[in-house]
C-alpha cells in the first residue's frame, strides 16, 4: 500500500493516475475560481 492510499483517499485505486489527475484539476480549478472571484469582487473588472 502506498502512502497515497491512506487517510481521506482510503479506497482501492486512490493512487492511480486518473484519480490523482482529477483531484489535482479540481483543486487547481477551485483555486483559480476563487482568485478570479476575489479579483472581480475587489476591483470592478469586467
N, C-alpha and C. Protein backbone atom coordinates (compact mmCIF):
# COMPACT_ATOMS: atom_id res chain seq x y z
N UNK A 1 0.85 -1.18 0.00
CA UNK A 1 0.00 0.00 0.00
C UNK A 1 0.89 1.24 0.00
N UNK A 2 0.61 2.15 -0.89
CA UNK A 2 1.39 3.38 -0.95
C UNK A 2 0.84 4.40 0.04
N UNK A 3 1.59 5.45 0.26
CA UNK A 3 1.15 6.50 1.18
C UNK A 3 -0.05 7.25 0.64
N UNK A 4 -0.26 7.24 -0.70
CA UNK A 4 -1.40 7.95 -1.27
C UNK A 4 -2.71 7.22 -1.02
N UNK A 5 -2.64 5.97 -0.62
CA UNK A 5 -3.83 5.16 -0.41
C UNK A 5 -4.23 5.13 1.06
N UNK A 6 -4.00 6.22 1.76
CA UNK A 6 -4.32 6.31 3.19
C UNK A 6 -5.11 7.58 3.46
N UNK A 7 -5.61 7.71 4.64
CA UNK A 7 -6.31 8.93 5.04
C UNK A 7 -7.64 9.08 4.34
N UNK A 8 -7.90 10.29 3.84
CA UNK A 8 -9.20 10.58 3.25
C UNK A 8 -9.40 9.86 1.92
N UNK A 9 -8.29 9.52 1.24
CA UNK A 9 -8.37 8.81 -0.04
C UNK A 9 -8.21 7.32 0.19
N UNK A 10 -8.94 6.78 1.14
CA UNK A 10 -8.78 5.39 1.55
C UNK A 10 -9.73 4.49 0.77
N UNK A 11 -9.42 4.26 -0.50
CA UNK A 11 -10.16 3.30 -1.29
C UNK A 11 -9.22 2.72 -2.34
N UNK A 12 -9.60 1.59 -2.87
CA UNK A 12 -8.73 0.90 -3.83
C UNK A 12 -8.57 1.75 -5.08
N UNK A 13 -7.35 1.94 -5.51
CA UNK A 13 -7.08 2.72 -6.70
C UNK A 13 -6.94 4.21 -6.44
N UNK A 14 -6.82 4.60 -5.20
CA UNK A 14 -6.72 6.03 -4.88
C UNK A 14 -5.42 6.64 -5.38
N UNK A 15 -4.41 5.80 -5.60
CA UNK A 15 -3.13 6.31 -6.07
C UNK A 15 -2.95 6.13 -7.58
N UNK A 16 -4.04 5.84 -8.29
CA UNK A 16 -3.94 5.70 -9.74
C UNK A 16 -3.85 7.07 -10.40
N UNK A 17 -3.24 7.11 -11.56
CA UNK A 17 -3.00 8.38 -12.25
C UNK A 17 -4.29 9.14 -12.57
N UNK A 18 -5.34 8.51 -13.07
CA UNK A 18 -6.57 9.28 -13.36
C UNK A 18 -7.19 9.94 -12.12
N UNK A 19 -7.17 9.25 -11.00
CA UNK A 19 -7.75 9.80 -9.78
C UNK A 19 -6.90 10.97 -9.27
N UNK A 20 -5.59 10.81 -9.30
CA UNK A 20 -4.70 11.89 -8.86
C UNK A 20 -4.83 13.09 -9.78
N UNK A 21 -4.90 12.85 -11.10
CA UNK A 21 -5.04 13.95 -12.07
C UNK A 21 -6.37 14.67 -11.88
N UNK A 22 -7.45 13.92 -11.69
CA UNK A 22 -8.77 14.54 -11.49
C UNK A 22 -8.79 15.37 -10.22
N UNK A 23 -8.21 14.85 -9.16
CA UNK A 23 -8.16 15.60 -7.90
C UNK A 23 -7.36 16.89 -8.07
N UNK A 24 -6.24 16.79 -8.76
CA UNK A 24 -5.43 17.98 -9.00
C UNK A 24 -6.15 19.02 -9.82
N UNK A 25 -6.84 18.58 -10.86
CA UNK A 25 -7.60 19.51 -11.70
C UNK A 25 -8.71 20.19 -10.90
N UNK A 26 -9.40 19.42 -10.08
CA UNK A 26 -10.47 20.00 -9.26
C UNK A 26 -9.91 21.03 -8.28
N UNK A 27 -8.80 20.71 -7.65
CA UNK A 27 -8.22 21.63 -6.67
C UNK A 27 -7.71 22.90 -7.34
N UNK A 28 -6.97 22.75 -8.46
CA UNK A 28 -6.44 23.91 -9.16
C UNK A 28 -7.57 24.75 -9.77
N UNK A 29 -8.62 24.11 -10.24
CA UNK A 29 -9.77 24.83 -10.77
C UNK A 29 -10.48 25.64 -9.69
N UNK A 30 -10.61 25.06 -8.51
CA UNK A 30 -11.24 25.77 -7.40
C UNK A 30 -10.40 26.97 -6.97
N UNK A 31 -9.09 26.79 -6.94
CA UNK A 31 -8.20 27.90 -6.58
C UNK A 31 -8.29 29.01 -7.61
N UNK A 32 -8.28 28.64 -8.90
CA UNK A 32 -8.38 29.64 -9.96
C UNK A 32 -9.71 30.37 -9.89
N UNK A 33 -10.80 29.64 -9.63
CA UNK A 33 -12.11 30.27 -9.50
C UNK A 33 -12.13 31.28 -8.35
N UNK A 34 -11.55 30.90 -7.22
CA UNK A 34 -11.53 31.80 -6.07
C UNK A 34 -10.70 33.05 -6.34
N UNK A 35 -9.59 32.89 -7.05
CA UNK A 35 -8.76 34.05 -7.38
C UNK A 35 -9.51 34.99 -8.31
N UNK A 36 -10.14 34.45 -9.35
CA UNK A 36 -10.91 35.28 -10.29
C UNK A 36 -12.06 35.96 -9.57
N UNK A 37 -12.77 35.22 -8.72
CA UNK A 37 -13.89 35.79 -8.00
C UNK A 37 -13.43 36.91 -7.06
N UNK A 38 -12.29 36.69 -6.38
CA UNK A 38 -11.78 37.71 -5.47
C UNK A 38 -11.36 38.97 -6.22
N UNK A 39 -10.73 38.81 -7.38
CA UNK A 39 -10.32 39.97 -8.17
C UNK A 39 -11.53 40.73 -8.69
N UNK A 40 -12.56 40.02 -9.11
CA UNK A 40 -13.76 40.69 -9.59
C UNK A 40 -14.51 41.39 -8.45
N UNK A 41 -14.43 40.83 -7.26
CA UNK A 41 -15.10 41.46 -6.13
C UNK A 41 -14.34 42.68 -5.63
N UNK A 42 -13.02 42.60 -5.65
CA UNK A 42 -12.21 43.69 -5.13
C UNK A 42 -12.10 44.84 -6.12
N UNK A 43 -12.03 44.51 -7.39
CA UNK A 43 -11.89 45.52 -8.43
C UNK A 43 -13.02 45.35 -9.43
N UNK A 44 -13.51 46.45 -9.93
CA UNK A 44 -14.62 46.39 -10.90
C UNK A 44 -14.08 45.98 -12.27
N UNK A 45 -13.71 44.72 -12.38
CA UNK A 45 -13.16 44.18 -13.64
C UNK A 45 -14.29 43.51 -14.39
N UNK A 46 -14.40 43.78 -15.65
CA UNK A 46 -15.42 43.14 -16.48
C UNK A 46 -16.74 43.81 -16.29
